[in-house]
Amino acid sequence: MAKLSLEELRSLRGSESERLKKRSIHGRDTHVVVCMGTCGIQAGAKIVLNSIVDELEAKGLDNVIVTQSGCAGSCKDEPIVEVHTPTLGSVAYGHVDAKVAKSIVDEHIIGGKILESHKIDLEV
């Protein structure tokens, strides 16, 4: 592996610290949780997580925190994304791919509408 210069390391730290700010809870009113248990990862949850973060960054949304959790207990519905907003409460979505992840940001988080086609009920 090639060694990085001090300037390259500083640049990398700056860019990564911006991405990590999405995980800070301060000043956020919307929380997105991507379930990243083994079933979720196998079903593509990492792609979904990255798609959501990229879309939030593209839209300039700073009021949203994105975190990951373990198993949601519904392997048949993976990848699963839970969205918690003040207006719509908690909603879980199943069979989420990159396209659905974009719709979650556009329609649910920005538009305030639940995507009924992918909404699921999680067992508590």
PDB file of N, CA and C in Angstrom:
ATOM      1  N   MET A   1       0.846  -1.177   0.000  1.00  0.00           N
ATOM      2  CA  MET A   1       0.000   0.000   0.000  1.00  0.00           C
ATOM      3  C   MET A   1       0.890   1.239   0.000  1.00  0.00           C
ATOM      4  N   ALA A   2       0.546   2.189  -0.846  1.00  0.00           N
ATOM      5  CA  ALA A   2       1.337   3.412  -0.957  1.00  0.00           C
ATOM      6  C   ALA A   2       1.123   4.288   0.267  1.00  0.00           C
ATOM      7  N   LYS A   3       2.198   4.956   0.648  1.00  0.00           N
ATOM      8  CA  LYS A   3       2.110   5.862   1.789  1.00  0.00           C
ATOM      9  C   LYS A   3       1.493   7.179   1.334  1.00  0.00           C
ATOM     10  N   LEU A   4       0.684   7.764   2.205  1.00  0.00           N
ATOM     11  CA  LEU A   4       0.043   9.046   1.916  1.00  0.00           C
ATOM     12  C   LEU A   4       0.869  10.174   2.516  1.00  0.00           C
ATOM     13  N   SER A   5       0.879  11.278   1.809  1.00  0.00           N
ATOM     14  CA  SER A   5       1.564  12.452   2.341  1.00  0.00           C
ATOM     15  C   SER A   5       0.709  13.067   3.439  1.00  0.00           C
ATOM     16  N   LEU A   6       1.304  13.969   4.197  1.00  0.00           N
ATOM     17  CA  LEU A   6       0.575  14.648   5.262  1.00  0.00           C
ATOM     18  C   LEU A   6      -0.612  15.430   4.686  1.00  0.00           C
ATOM     19  N   GLU A   7      -0.406  16.062   3.548  1.00  0.00           N
ATOM     20  CA  GLU A   7      -1.492  16.824   2.907  1.00  0.00           C
ATOM     21  C   GLU A   7      -2.619  15.891   2.454  1.00  0.00           C
ATOM     22  N   GLU A   8      -2.272  14.725   1.934  1.00  0.00           N
ATOM     23  CA  GLU A   8      -3.287  13.746   1.519  1.00  0.00           C
ATOM     24  C   GLU A   8      -4.064  13.222   2.719  1.00  0.00           C
ATOM     25  N   LEU A   9      -3.373  12.988   3.820  1.00  0.00           N
ATOM     26  CA  LEU A   9      -4.043  12.544   5.048  1.00  0.00           C
ATOM     27  C   LEU A   9      -4.994  13.607   5.574  1.00  0.00           C
ATOM     28  N   ARG A  10      -4.577  14.862   5.542  1.00  0.00           N
ATOM     29  CA  ARG A  10      -5.455  15.959   5.991  1.00  0.00           C
ATOM     30  C   ARG A  10      -6.690  16.067   5.109  1.00  0.00           C
ATOM     31  N   SER A  11      -6.503  15.924   3.827  1.00  0.00           N
ATOM     32  CA  SER A  11      -7.630  15.973   2.902  1.00  0.00           C
ATOM     33  C   SER A  11      -8.600  14.822   3.153  1.00  0.00           C
ATOM     34  N   LEU A  12      -8.053  13.632   3.364  1.00  0.00           N
ATOM     35  CA  LEU A  12      -8.879  12.464   3.658  1.00  0.00           C
ATOM     36  C   LEU A  12      -9.642  12.647   4.955  1.00  0.00           C
ATOM     37  N   ARG A  13      -8.987  13.174   5.979  1.00  0.00           N
ATOM     38  CA  ARG A  13      -9.645  13.418   7.266  1.00  0.00           C
ATOM     39  C   ARG A  13     -10.795  14.405   7.097  1.00  0.00           C
ATOM     40  N   GLY A  14     -10.573  15.451   6.319  1.00  0.00           N
ATOM     41  CA  GLY A  14     -11.632  16.439   6.099  1.00  0.00           C
ATOM     42  C   GLY A  14     -12.842  15.861   5.394  1.00  0.00           C
ATOM     43  N   SER A  15     -12.608  15.075   4.356  1.00  0.00           N
ATOM     44  CA  SER A  15     -13.737  14.510   3.612  1.00  0.00           C
ATOM     45  C   SER A  15     -14.484  13.467   4.439  1.00  0.00           C
ATOM     46  N   GLU A  16     -13.773  12.652   5.182  1.00  0.00           N
ATOM     47  CA  GLU A  16     -14.422  11.629   5.998  1.00  0.00           C
ATOM     48  C   GLU A  16     -15.148  12.227   7.197  1.00  0.00           C
ATOM     49  N   SER A  17     -14.626  13.314   7.751  1.00  0.00           N
ATOM     50  CA  SER A  17     -15.306  13.929   8.892  1.00  0.00           C
ATOM     51  C   SER A  17     -16.654  14.502   8.464  1.00  0.00           C
ATOM     52  N   GLU A  18     -16.761  14.968   7.225  1.00  0.00           N
ATOM     53  CA  GLU A  18     -18.049  15.450   6.717  1.00  0.00           C
ATOM     54  C   GLU A  18     -19.056  14.306   6.628  1.00  0.00           C
ATOM     55  N   ARG A  19     -18.611  13.147   6.168  1.00  0.00           N
ATOM     56  CA  ARG A  19     -19.505  11.982   6.083  1.00  0.00           C
ATOM     57  C   ARG A  19     -19.916  11.505   7.474  1.00  0.00           C
ATOM     58  N   LEU A  20     -19.022  11.577   8.431  1.00  0.00           N
ATOM     59  CA  LEU A  20     -19.335  11.128   9.791  1.00  0.00           C
ATOM     60  C   LEU A  20     -20.305  12.063  10.503  1.00  0.00           C
ATOM     61  N   LYS A  21     -20.393  13.319  10.070  1.00  0.00           N
ATOM     62  CA  LYS A  21     -21.342  14.249  10.681  1.00  0.00           C
ATOM     63  C   LYS A  21     -22.777  13.754  10.538  1.00  0.00           C
ATOM     64  N   LYS A  22     -23.043  12.952   9.512  1.00  0.00           N
ATOM     65  CA  LYS A  22     -24.386  12.397   9.314  1.00  0.00           C
ATOM     66  C   LYS A  22     -24.784  11.468  10.456  1.00  0.00           C
ATOM     67  N   ARG A  23     -23.819  11.025  11.255  1.00  0.00           N
ATOM     68  CA  ARG A  23     -24.112  10.116  12.362  1.00  0.00           C
ATOM     69  C   ARG A  23     -24.291  10.844  13.693  1.00  0.00           C
ATOM     70  N   SER A  24     -24.068  12.149  13.713  1.00  0.00           N
ATOM     71  CA  SER A  24     -24.230  12.922  14.936  1.00  0.00           C
ATOM     72  C   SER A  24     -25.712  13.212  15.167  1.00  0.00           C
ATOM     73  N   ILE A  25     -26.177  13.075  16.402  1.00  0.00           N
ATOM     74  CA  ILE A  25     -27.601  13.263  16.700  1.00  0.00           C
ATOM     75  C   ILE A  25     -27.979  14.709  16.957  1.00  0.00           C
ATOM     76  N   HIS A  26     -27.026  15.580  17.161  1.00  0.00           N
ATOM     77  CA  HIS A  26     -27.311  16.961  17.532  1.00  0.00           C
ATOM     78  C   HIS A  26     -27.953  17.738  16.381  1.00  0.00           C
ATOM     79  N   GLY A  27     -29.091  18.347  16.661  1.00  0.00           N
ATOM     80  CA  GLY A  27     -29.791  19.162  15.678  1.00  0.00           C
ATOM     81  C   GLY A  27     -30.552  18.378  14.626  1.00  0.00           C
ATOM     82  N   ARG A  28     -30.779  17.102  14.878  1.00  0.00           N
ATOM     83  CA  ARG A  28     -31.463  16.255  13.897  1.00  0.00           C
ATOM     84  C   ARG A  28     -32.868  15.916  14.388  1.00  0.00           C
ATOM     85  N   ASP A  29     -33.848  15.913  13.491  1.00  0.00           N
ATOM     86  CA  ASP A  29     -35.196  15.522  13.887  1.00  0.00           C
ATOM     87  C   ASP A  29     -35.680  14.267  13.154  1.00  0.00           C
ATOM     88  N   THR A  30     -34.919  13.805  12.172  1.00  0.00           N
ATOM     89  CA  THR A  30     -35.281  12.607  11.432  1.00  0.00           C
ATOM     90  C   THR A  30     -34.161  11.587  11.583  1.00  0.00           C
ATOM     91  N   HIS A  31     -34.557  10.339  11.833  1.00  0.00           N
ATOM     92  CA  HIS A  31     -33.586   9.272  12.069  1.00  0.00           C
ATOM     93  C   HIS A  31     -33.875   8.128  11.105  1.00  0.00           C
ATOM     94  N   VAL A  32     -32.875   7.754  10.325  1.00  0.00           N
ATOM     95  CA  VAL A  32     -32.980   6.625   9.407  1.00  0.00           C
ATOM     96  C   VAL A  32     -32.076   5.519   9.934  1.00  0.00           C
ATOM     97  N   VAL A  33     -32.641   4.326  10.085  1.00  0.00           N
ATOM     98  CA  VAL A  33     -31.884   3.175  10.569  1.00  0.00           C
ATOM     99  C   VAL A  33     -31.884   2.108   9.481  1.00  0.00           C
ATOM    100  N   VAL A  34     -30.693   1.714   9.058  1.00  0.00           N
ATOM    101  CA  VAL A  34     -30.560   0.641   8.081  1.00  0.00           C
ATOM    102  C   VAL A  34     -30.145  -0.617   8.850  1.00  0.00           C
ATOM    103  N   CYS A  35     -30.941  -1.666   8.738  1.00  0.00           N
ATOM    104  CA  CYS A  35     -30.663  -2.906   9.454  1.00  0.00           C
ATOM    105  C   CYS A  35     -29.529  -3.641   8.749  1.00  0.00           C
ATOM    106  N   MET A  36     -28.450  -3.877   9.504  1.00  0.00           N
ATOM    107  CA  MET A  36     -27.233  -4.435   8.920  1.00  0.00           C
ATOM    108  C   MET A  36     -26.827  -5.747   9.592  1.00  0.00           C
ATOM    109  N   GLY A  37     -27.817  -6.588   9.897  1.00  0.00           N
ATOM    110  CA  GLY A  37     -27.490  -7.931  10.357  1.00  0.00           C
ATOM    111  C   GLY A  37     -26.947  -8.726   9.171  1.00  0.00           C
ATOM    112  N   THR A  38     -26.557  -9.958   9.398  1.00  0.00           N
ATOM    113  CA  THR A  38     -25.966 -10.744   8.316  1.00  0.00           C
ATOM    114  C   THR A  38     -26.929 -10.927   7.142  1.00  0.00           C
ATOM    115  N   CYS A  39     -28.203 -11.125   7.430  1.00  0.00           N
ATOM    116  CA  CYS A  39     -29.185 -11.269   6.339  1.00  0.00           C
ATOM    117  C   CYS A  39     -29.321  -9.980   5.542  1.00  0.00           C
ATOM    118  N   GLY A  40     -29.332  -8.868   6.252  1.00  0.00           N
ATOM    119  CA  GLY A  40     -29.446  -7.574   5.590  1.00  0.00           C
ATOM    120  C   GLY A  40     -28.248  -7.272   4.713  1.00  0.00           C
ATOM    121  N   ILE A  41     -27.064  -7.539   5.229  1.00  0.00           N
ATOM    122  CA  ILE A  41     -25.847  -7.297   4.451  1.00  0.00           C
ATOM    123  C   ILE A  41     -25.842  -8.165   3.200  1.00  0.00           C
ATOM    124  N   GLN A  42     -26.204  -9.432   3.360  1.00  0.00           N
ATOM    125  CA  GLN A  42     -26.252 -10.336   2.218  1.00  0.00           C
ATOM    126  C   GLN A  42     -27.271  -9.858   1.174  1.00  0.00           C
ATOM    127  N   ALA A  43     -28.346  -9.247   1.625  1.00  0.00           N
ATOM    128  CA  ALA A  43     -29.400  -8.787   0.718  1.00  0.00           C
ATOM    129  C   ALA A  43     -29.104  -7.423   0.099  1.00  0.00           C
ATOM    130  N   GLY A  44     -28.005  -6.758   0.530  1.00  0.00           N
ATOM    131  CA  GLY A  44     -27.631  -5.488  -0.093  1.00  0.00           C
ATOM    132  C   GLY A  44     -27.773  -4.258   0.782  1.00  0.00           C
ATOM    133  N   ALA A  45     -27.820  -4.432   2.094  1.00  0.00           N
ATOM    134  CA  ALA A  45     -28.030  -3.297   2.996  1.00  0.00           C
ATOM    135  C   ALA A  45     -26.913  -2.250   2.924  1.00  0.00           C
ATOM    136  N   LYS A  46     -25.690  -2.673   2.650  1.00  0.00           N
ATOM    137  CA  LYS A  46     -24.591  -1.716   2.554  1.00  0.00           C
ATOM    138  C   LYS A  46     -24.807  -0.766   1.374  1.00  0.00           C
ATOM    139  N   ILE A  47     -25.273  -1.295   0.257  1.00  0.00           N
ATOM    140  CA  ILE A  47     -25.590  -0.458  -0.905  1.00  0.00           C
ATOM    141  C   ILE A  47     -26.716   0.500  -0.562  1.00  0.00           C
ATOM    142  N   VAL A  48     -27.713   0.013   0.159  1.00  0.00           N
ATOM    143  CA  VAL A  48     -28.848   0.843   0.574  1.00  0.00           C
ATOM    144  C   VAL A  48     -28.373   1.967   1.497  1.00  0.00           C
ATOM    145  N   LEU A  49     -27.544   1.636   2.484  1.00  0.00           N
ATOM    146  CA  LEU A  49     -27.014   2.649   3.402  1.00  0.00           C
ATOM    147  C   LEU A  49     -26.271   3.733   2.631  1.00  0.00           C
ATOM    148  N   ASN A  50     -25.392   3.326   1.729  1.00  0.00           N
ATOM    149  CA  ASN A  50     -24.636   4.303   0.943  1.00  0.00           C
ATOM    150  C   ASN A  50     -25.543   5.138   0.047  1.00  0.00           C
ATOM    151  N   SER A  51     -26.568   4.518  -0.528  1.00  0.00           N
ATOM    152  CA  SER A  51     -27.508   5.245  -1.389  1.00  0.00           C
ATOM    153  C   SER A  51     -28.261   6.320  -0.611  1.00  0.00           C
ATOM    154  N   ILE A  52     -28.690   5.976   0.592  1.00  0.00           N
ATOM    155  CA  ILE A  52     -29.405   6.948   1.426  1.00  0.00           C
ATOM    156  C   ILE A  52     -28.493   8.100   1.802  1.00  0.00           C
ATOM    157  N   VAL A  53     -27.293   7.806   2.263  1.00  0.00           N
ATOM    158  CA  VAL A  53     -26.350   8.861   2.658  1.00  0.00           C
ATOM    159  C   VAL A  53     -26.023   9.749   1.459  1.00  0.00           C
ATOM    160  N   ASP A  54     -25.767   9.143   0.304  1.00  0.00           N
ATOM    161  CA  ASP A  54     -25.445   9.920  -0.900  1.00  0.00           C
ATOM    162  C   ASP A  54     -26.609  10.816  -1.305  1.00  0.00           C
ATOM    163  N   GLU A  55     -27.823  10.297  -1.238  1.00  0.00           N
ATOM    164  CA  GLU A  55     -28.996  11.079  -1.624  1.00  0.00           C
ATOM    165  C   GLU A  55     -29.229  12.234  -0.653  1.00  0.00           C
ATOM    166  N   LEU A  56     -29.052  11.985   0.649  1.00  0.00           N
ATOM    167  CA  LEU A  56     -29.198  13.054   1.634  1.00  0.00           C
ATOM    168  C   LEU A  56     -28.165  14.150   1.404  1.00  0.00           C
ATOM    169  N   GLU A  57     -26.941  13.753   1.085  1.00  0.00           N
ATOM    170  CA  GLU A  57     -25.895  14.731   0.802  1.00  0.00           C
ATOM    171  C   GLU A  57     -26.221  15.522  -0.457  1.00  0.00           C
ATOM    172  N   ALA A  58     -26.705  14.834  -1.495  1.00  0.00           N
ATOM    173  CA  ALA A  58     -27.051  15.501  -2.746  1.00  0.00           C
ATOM    174  C   ALA A  58     -28.172  16.519  -2.553  1.00  0.00           C
ATOM    175  N   LYS A  59     -29.106  16.206  -1.650  1.00  0.00           N
ATOM    176  CA  LYS A  59     -30.233  17.103  -1.381  1.00  0.00           C
ATOM    177  C   LYS A  59     -29.891  18.163  -0.328  1.00  0.00           C
ATOM    178  N   GLY A  60     -28.734  18.040   0.296  1.00  0.00           N
ATOM    179  CA  GLY A  60     -28.315  19.006   1.312  1.00  0.00           C
ATOM    180  C   GLY A  60     -29.125  18.941   2.593  1.00  0.00           C
ATOM    181  N   LEU A  61     -29.595  17.743   2.959  1.00  0.00           N
ATOM    182  CA  LEU A  61     -30.418  17.589   4.159  1.00  0.00           C
ATOM    183  C   LEU A  61     -29.535  17.361   5.381  1.00  0.00           C
ATOM    184  N   ASP A  62     -29.511  18.318   6.277  1.00  0.00           N
ATOM    185  CA  ASP A  62     -28.683  18.234   7.476  1.00  0.00           C
ATOM    186  C   ASP A  62     -29.468  17.817   8.719  1.00  0.00           C
ATOM    187  N   ASN A  63     -30.790  17.709   8.600  1.00  0.00           N
ATOM    188  CA  ASN A  63     -31.607  17.373   9.760  1.00  0.00           C
ATOM    189  C   ASN A  63     -31.828  15.872   9.924  1.00  0.00           C
ATOM    190  N   VAL A  64     -31.119  15.066   9.135  1.00  0.00           N
ATOM    191  CA  VAL A  64     -31.329  13.621   9.141  1.00  0.00           C
ATOM    192  C   VAL A  64     -30.074  12.921   9.650  1.00  0.00           C
ATOM    193  N   ILE A  65     -30.254  12.017  10.604  1.00  0.00           N
ATOM    194  CA  ILE A  65     -29.157  11.163  11.068  1.00  0.00           C
ATOM    195  C   ILE A  65     -29.373   9.776  10.482  1.00  0.00           C
ATOM    196  N   VAL A  66     -28.306   9.169  10.032  1.00  0.00           N
ATOM    197  CA  VAL A  66     -28.358   7.824   9.470  1.00  0.00           C
ATOM    198  C   VAL A  66     -27.479   6.928  10.329  1.00  0.00           C
ATOM    199  N   THR A  67     -28.074   5.857  10.846  1.00  0.00           N
ATOM    200  CA  THR A  67     -27.316   4.892  11.637  1.00  0.00           C
ATOM    201  C   THR A  67     -27.626   3.495  11.127  1.00  0.00           C
ATOM    202  N   GLN A  68     -26.949   2.540  11.700  1.00  0.00           N
ATOM    203  CA  GLN A  68     -27.213   1.151  11.351  1.00  0.00           C
ATOM    204  C   GLN A  68     -27.501   0.369  12.622  1.00  0.00           C
ATOM    205  N   SER A  69     -28.226  -0.720  12.443  1.00  0.00           N
ATOM    206  CA  SER A  69     -28.531  -1.587  13.574  1.00  0.00           C
ATOM    207  C   SER A  69     -28.245  -3.018  13.167  1.00  0.00           C
ATOM    208  N   GLY A  70     -28.494  -3.921  14.058  1.00  0.00           N
ATOM    209  CA  GLY A  70     -28.339  -5.338  13.755  1.00  0.00           C
ATOM    210  C   GLY A  70     -29.598  -5.869  13.106  1.00  0.00           C
ATOM    211  N   CYS A  71     -29.898  -7.080  13.391  1.00  0.00           N
ATOM    212  CA  CYS A  71     -31.043  -7.771  12.802  1.00  0.00           C
ATOM    213  C   CYS A  71     -32.367  -7.146  13.248  1.00  0.00           C
ATOM    214  N   ALA A  72     -33.278  -7.001  12.301  1.00  0.00           N
ATOM    215  CA  ALA A  72     -34.601  -6.466  12.609  1.00  0.00           C
ATOM    216  C   ALA A  72     -35.593  -7.580  12.920  1.00  0.00           C
ATOM    217  N   GLY A  73     -35.183  -8.818  12.713  1.00  0.00           N
ATOM    218  CA  GLY A  73     -36.051  -9.949  13.036  1.00  0.00           C
ATOM    219  C   GLY A  73     -36.997 -10.363  11.935  1.00  0.00           C
ATOM    220  N   SER A  74     -36.793  -9.860  10.735  1.00  0.00           N
ATOM    221  CA  SER A  74     -37.662 -10.208   9.618  1.00  0.00           C
ATOM    222  C   SER A  74     -36.807 -10.456   8.377  1.00  0.00           C
ATOM    223  N   CYS A  75     -36.076 -11.559   8.394  1.00  0.00           N
ATOM    224  CA  CYS A  75     -35.099 -11.864   7.341  1.00  0.00           C
ATOM    225  C   CYS A  75     -35.712 -11.862   5.941  1.00  0.00           C
ATOM    226  N   LYS A  76     -36.958 -12.290   5.835  1.00  0.00           N
ATOM    227  CA  LYS A  76     -37.593 -12.376   4.517  1.00  0.00           C
ATOM    228  C   LYS A  76     -37.811 -11.006   3.887  1.00  0.00           C
ATOM    229  N   ASP A  77     -37.742  -9.926   4.680  1.00  0.00           N
ATOM    230  CA  ASP A  77     -37.998  -8.577   4.182  1.00  0.00           C
ATOM    231  C   ASP A  77     -36.734  -7.749   3.964  1.00  0.00           C
ATOM    232  N   GLU A  78     -35.554  -8.330   4.196  1.00  0.00           N
ATOM    233  CA  GLU A  78     -34.299  -7.578   4.074  1.00  0.00           C
ATOM    234  C   GLU A  78     -34.042  -7.148   2.629  1.00  0.00           C
ATOM    235  N   PRO A  79     -33.319  -6.072   2.460  1.00  0.00           N
ATOM    236  CA  PRO A  79     -32.866  -5.064   3.406  1.00  0.00           C
ATOM    237  C   PRO A  79     -34.034  -4.246   3.964  1.00  0.00           C
ATOM    238  N   ILE A  80     -33.924  -3.931   5.259  1.00  0.00           N
ATOM    239  CA  ILE A  80     -34.960  -3.177   5.960  1.00  0.00           C
ATOM    240  C   ILE A  80     -34.414  -1.820   6.366  1.00  0.00           C
ATOM    241  N   VAL A  81     -35.247  -0.791   6.159  1.00  0.00           N
ATOM    242  CA  VAL A  81     -34.911   0.574   6.565  1.00  0.00           C
ATOM    243  C   VAL A  81     -36.052   1.093   7.421  1.00  0.00           C
ATOM    244  N   GLU A  82     -35.708   1.624   8.587  1.00  0.00           N
ATOM    245  CA  GLU A  82     -36.699   2.258   9.450  1.00  0.00           C
ATOM    246  C   GLU A  82     -36.489   3.771   9.394  1.00  0.00           C
ATOM    247  N   VAL A  83     -37.590   4.509   9.282  1.00  0.00           N
ATOM    248  CA  VAL A  83     -37.521   5.963   9.241  1.00  0.00           C
ATOM    249  C   VAL A  83     -38.376   6.514  10.374  1.00  0.00           C
ATOM    250  N   HIS A  84     -37.772   7.361  11.189  1.00  0.00           N
ATOM    251  CA  HIS A  84     -38.467   7.975  12.326  1.00  0.00           C
ATOM    252  C   HIS A  84     -38.501   9.487  12.100  1.00  0.00           C
ATOM    253  N   THR A  85     -39.711  10.025  11.914  1.00  0.00           N
ATOM    254  CA  THR A  85     -39.876  11.466  11.718  1.00  0.00           C
ATOM    255  C   THR A  85     -40.900  12.000  12.704  1.00  0.00           C
ATOM    256  N   PRO A  86     -40.823  13.288  13.033  1.00  0.00           N
ATOM    257  CA  PRO A  86     -41.797  13.860  13.960  1.00  0.00           C
ATOM    258  C   PRO A  86     -43.228  13.816  13.422  1.00  0.00           C
ATOM    259  N   THR A  87     -43.403  13.944  12.112  1.00  0.00           N
ATOM    260  CA  THR A  87     -44.750  14.011  11.553  1.00  0.00           C
ATOM    261  C   THR A  87     -45.354  12.644  11.249  1.00  0.00           C
ATOM    262  N   LEU A  88     -44.543  11.680  10.797  1.00  0.00           N
ATOM    263  CA  LEU A  88     -45.072  10.374  10.412  1.00  0.00           C
ATOM    264  C   LEU A  88     -44.774   9.266  11.414  1.00  0.00           C
ATOM    265  N   GLY A  89     -44.022   9.568  12.445  1.00  0.00           N
ATOM    266  CA  GLY A  89     -43.672   8.555  13.430  1.00  0.00           C
ATOM    267  C   GLY A  89     -42.665   7.570  12.867  1.00  0.00           C
ATOM    268  N   SER A  90     -42.771   6.311  13.297  1.00  0.00           N
ATOM    269  CA  SER A  90     -41.838   5.275  12.848  1.00  0.00           C
ATOM    270  C   SER A  90     -42.471   4.423  11.761  1.00  0.00           C
ATOM    271  N   VAL A  91     -41.750   4.273  10.665  1.00  0.00           N
ATOM    272  CA  VAL A  91     -42.219   3.466   9.544  1.00  0.00           C
ATOM    273  C   VAL A  91     -41.071   2.567   9.114  1.00  0.00           C
ATOM    274  N   ALA A  92     -41.379   1.291   8.876  1.00  0.00           N
ATOM    275  CA  ALA A  92     -40.374   0.344   8.402  1.00  0.00           C
ATOM    276  C   ALA A  92     -40.662  -0.011   6.948  1.00  0.00           C
ATOM    277  N   TYR A  93     -39.583  -0.091   6.166  1.00  0.00           N
ATOM    278  CA  TYR A  93     -39.679  -0.462   4.758  1.00  0.00           C
ATOM    279  C   TYR A  93     -38.863  -1.719   4.510  1.00  0.00           C
ATOM    280  N   GLY A  94     -39.412  -2.625   3.713  1.00  0.00           N
ATOM    281  CA  GLY A  94     -38.718  -3.859   3.386  1.00  0.00           C
ATOM    282  C   GLY A  94     -38.417  -3.970   1.913  1.00  0.00           C
ATOM    283  N   HIS A  95     -37.502  -4.876   1.594  1.00  0.00           N
ATOM    284  CA  HIS A  95     -37.071  -5.114   0.215  1.00  0.00           C
ATOM    285  C   HIS A  95     -36.570  -3.821  -0.424  1.00  0.00           C
ATOM    286  N   VAL A  96     -35.757  -3.098   0.330  1.00  0.00           N
ATOM    287  CA  VAL A  96     -35.248  -1.801  -0.126  1.00  0.00           C
ATOM    288  C   VAL A  96     -33.997  -2.028  -0.968  1.00  0.00           C
ATOM    289  N   ASP A  97     -33.971  -1.404  -2.132  1.00  0.00           N
ATOM    290  CA  ASP A  97     -32.774  -1.379  -2.963  1.00  0.00           C
ATOM    291  C   ASP A  97     -32.388   0.089  -3.157  1.00  0.00           C
ATOM    292  N   ALA A  98     -31.409   0.361  -4.000  1.00  0.00           N
ATOM    293  CA  ALA A  98     -30.935   1.739  -4.186  1.00  0.00           C
ATOM    294  C   ALA A  98     -32.048   2.651  -4.707  1.00  0.00           C
ATOM    295  N   LYS A  99     -32.878   2.137  -5.593  1.00  0.00           N
ATOM    296  CA  LYS A  99     -33.977   2.949  -6.156  1.00  0.00           C
ATOM    297  C   LYS A  99     -35.014   3.275  -5.079  1.00  0.00           C
ATOM    298  N   VAL A 100     -35.378   2.291  -4.282  1.00  0.00           N
ATOM    299  CA  VAL A 100     -36.347   2.512  -3.199  1.00  0.00           C
ATOM    300  C   VAL A 100     -35.740   3.446  -2.151  1.00  0.00           C
ATOM    301  N   ALA A 101     -34.435   3.305  -1.890  1.00  0.00           N
ATOM    302  CA  ALA A 101     -33.762   4.187  -0.930  1.00  0.00           C
ATOM    303  C   ALA A 101     -33.896   5.644  -1.367  1.00  0.00           C
ATOM    304  N   LYS A 102     -33.723   5.895  -2.651  1.00  0.00           N
ATOM    305  CA  LYS A 102     -33.881   7.258  -3.177  1.00  0.00           C
ATOM    306  C   LYS A 102     -35.319   7.733  -2.987  1.00  0.00           C
ATOM    307  N   SER A 103     -36.277   6.839  -3.222  1.00  0.00           N
ATOM    308  CA  SER A 103     -37.692   7.190  -3.029  1.00  0.00           C
ATOM    309  C   SER A 103     -38.005   7.483  -1.574  1.00  0.00           C
ATOM    310  N   ILE A 104     -37.366   6.762  -0.656  1.00  0.00           N
ATOM    311  CA  ILE A 104     -37.565   7.020   0.769  1.00  0.00           C
ATOM    312  C   ILE A 104     -37.128   8.445   1.106  1.00  0.00           C
ATOM    313  N   VAL A 105     -35.989   8.852   0.579  1.00  0.00           N
ATOM    314  CA  VAL A 105     -35.516  10.223   0.824  1.00  0.00           C
ATOM    315  C   VAL A 105     -36.459  11.229   0.176  1.00  0.00           C
ATOM    316  N   ASP A 106     -36.776  11.023  -1.106  1.00  0.00           N
ATOM    317  CA  ASP A 106     -37.594  11.993  -1.839  1.00  0.00           C
ATOM    318  C   ASP A 106     -39.043  12.055  -1.356  1.00  0.00           C
ATOM    319  N   GLU A 107     -39.671  10.905  -1.230  1.00  0.00           N
ATOM    320  CA  GLU A 107     -41.099  10.874  -0.921  1.00  0.00           C
ATOM    321  C   GLU A 107     -41.397  10.911   0.577  1.00  0.00           C
ATOM    322  N   HIS A 108     -40.669  10.141   1.374  1.00  0.00           N
ATOM    323  CA  HIS A 108     -40.968  10.076   2.807  1.00  0.00           C
ATOM    324  C   HIS A 108     -40.332  11.240   3.562  1.00  0.00           C
ATOM    325  N   ILE A 109     -39.016  11.360   3.464  1.00  0.00           N
ATOM    326  CA  ILE A 109     -38.319  12.366   4.265  1.00  0.00           C
ATOM    327  C   ILE A 109     -38.607  13.777   3.774  1.00  0.00           C
ATOM    328  N   ILE A 110     -38.552  14.000   2.470  1.00  0.00           N
ATOM    329  CA  ILE A 110     -38.805  15.350   1.932  1.00  0.00           C
ATOM    330  C   ILE A 110     -40.298  15.580   1.726  1.00  0.00           C
ATOM    331  N   GLY A 111     -40.984  14.616   1.101  1.00  0.00           N
ATOM    332  CA  GLY A 111     -42.392  14.801   0.731  1.00  0.00           C
ATOM    333  C   GLY A 111     -43.407  14.507   1.818  1.00  0.00           C
ATOM    334  N   GLY A 112     -42.999  13.806   2.872  1.00  0.00           N
ATOM    335  CA  GLY A 112     -43.915  13.508   3.968  1.00  0.00           C
ATOM    336  C   GLY A 112     -44.965  12.464   3.636  1.00  0.00           C
ATOM    337  N   LYS A 113     -44.671  11.586   2.673  1.00  0.00           N
ATOM    338  CA  LYS A 113     -45.620  10.541   2.278  1.00  0.00           C
ATOM    339  C   LYS A 113     -44.999   9.166   2.494  1.00  0.00           C
ATOM    340  N   ILE A 114     -45.787   8.246   3.035  1.00  0.00           N
ATOM    341  CA  ILE A 114     -45.320   6.878   3.258  1.00  0.00           C
ATOM    342  C   ILE A 114     -45.378   6.107   1.945  1.00  0.00           C
ATOM    343  N   LEU A 115     -44.341   5.337   1.664  1.00  0.00           N
ATOM    344  CA  LEU A 115     -44.300   4.477   0.477  1.00  0.00           C
ATOM    345  C   LEU A 115     -45.035   3.185   0.817  1.00  0.00           C
ATOM    346  N   GLU A 116     -46.303   3.142   0.564  1.00  0.00           N
ATOM    347  CA  GLU A 116     -47.131   1.997   0.946  1.00  0.00           C
ATOM    348  C   GLU A 116     -46.671   0.702   0.288  1.00  0.00           C
ATOM    349  N   SER A 117     -46.077   0.790  -0.907  1.00  0.00           N
ATOM    350  CA  SER A 117     -45.662  -0.409  -1.641  1.00  0.00           C
ATOM    351  C   SER A 117     -44.535  -1.176  -0.948  1.00  0.00           C
ATOM    352  N   HIS A 118     -43.782  -0.518  -0.074  1.00  0.00           N
ATOM    353  CA  HIS A 118     -42.669  -1.172   0.599  1.00  0.00           C
ATOM    354  C   HIS A 118     -42.788  -1.161   2.131  1.00  0.00           C
ATOM    355  N   LYS A 119     -43.889  -0.611   2.635  1.00  0.00           N
ATOM    356  CA  LYS A 119     -44.080  -0.556   4.091  1.00  0.00           C
ATOM    357  C   LYS A 119     -44.301  -1.969   4.632  1.00  0.00           C
ATOM    358  N   ILE A 120     -43.650  -2.245   5.751  1.00  0.00           N
ATOM    359  CA  ILE A 120     -43.811  -3.545   6.413  1.00  0.00           C
ATOM    360  C   ILE A 120     -44.076  -3.334   7.891  1.00  0.00           C
ATOM    361  N   ASP A 121     -44.624  -4.340   8.530  1.00  0.00           N
ATOM    362  CA  ASP A 121     -44.808  -4.323   9.979  1.00  0.00           C
ATOM    363  C   ASP A 121     -43.742  -5.205  10.593  1.00  0.00           C
ATOM    364  N   LEU A 122     -42.978  -4.662  11.519  1.00  0.00           N
ATOM    365  CA  LEU A 122     -41.968  -5.447  12.203  1.00  0.00           C
ATOM    366  C   LEU A 122     -42.543  -6.000  13.489  1.00  0.00           C
ATOM    367  N   GLU A 123     -42.205  -7.244  13.783  1.00  0.00           N
ATOM    368  CA  GLU A 123     -42.632  -7.849  15.040  1.00  0.00           C
ATOM    369  C   GLU A 123     -41.809  -7.232  16.159  1.00  0.00           C
ATOM    370  N   VAL A 124     -42.463  -6.910  17.257  1.00  0.00           N
ATOM    371  CA  VAL A 124     -41.750  -6.296  18.378  1.00  0.00           C
ATOM    372  C   VAL A 124     -41.505  -7.303  19.451  1.00  0.00           C
TER     373      VAL A 124
END
